[in-house]
C-alpha cells in the first residue's frame, strides 16, 4: 500500500466555549469540542466518503485536510507537512484542493476562463502552461464551451463544475468536496459524479463530505462520524451492512441497499448488501422465474 497522502492523528478541535452546543460549524458537545480525537488517512488515488448527521464534525474535519483549520490537539500531515506550520501552507493547499457547498464563495472573476485561471496564476504558472491547464480543467468538467460566459449566468450545477475546474487547474493530488452536491438537482449531482470518476481515473484522490448515501456508496471507503468521533470505517458494503448502527446515528441506508434489505427479509434467497442499481438489476434478473 502506498504512503498516505493525508494523515490525521488524534485531531481535536473546538470553536470555543461561547459557541458550544450550536451544532457543526460553531460548536459540538457541552465542552464545545467538534472533533474528539479523529484519526484517519487518505491514500493517493482513493475515493473516501465521510458521512454523518448534522453536527457530527464533517465540514470541520474537511477544513483540516488542507489547513483552513488547524487542530488544537493532535496533528494533520499532508505529504509529511504539518498544517500548523505557516511556511508549509502554500504547498499543502497545492496538494489538497477544496470545493465548497456554495460555489459562489470561491469565484473571484467575471468570466469563467479567468476564474479557473485565478488559482494557478497565484502559483506563478507560466502563461503558456496556464492556458493549457485552464483548458484541460474546463474540458474535464465539460465546461470549455462556457469559458467566455459570466459565472452568474450559469446554473447551480454549472457553477459547481467551474469551481471544481478552478481546483483541478492547480493540479492537486487530492480534491475535497465539502457537501458540493447538496444544493444540486439530480442532473447536477450526476455531472459531479462523472467528474469524480474522471478525477479518479487520472489518479487524483477524492474526499467527499456528503449526506447523500448513494454518493457514499460509490466510494472506495466510508467513514461515519458522530459527535466528532469516528464511529465506523471500512468499504461501503461493510459499513452499510450495519444498518442498525447507521439508523442510531440518524443516517439512512443508500436507497438500493435499503430496498435489497427489504426484499431479502421477504424473500430469503434474494441477496442483501447490494449498493448499486446495476447490482439490483442483475439480482432481479437472476431471481426471476425462467420462461416456459
Foldseek 3Di string as FASTA:
>chain_A
DDDFQKWWFQFKDFQAQVQDPPWAPRAAHNGRILAGTDTDTHHWLFEEEEEFDTRLCLVVVLCCQLLVDAGPDTFMAGNHHTSVDVVCNVVSCLAEPEQEQQLVVQADDQFLLVRLLVVVVVVVDDPVLSNVLSCVLCVLLVRNVRRGHGLVVDDRLVSSSSSSSSSVSSVYLEYEYAQNCVPDDPVSVVSVVSSVVVCSVVGRYYYYHHLQQLSNLPGQKYFYGGSNYTDDIGGSLVVLVPQVVQVVRVHHHHPVQVVQVVVCVVPVVQDHSDRDPVVVVVSVVVPDDDDD
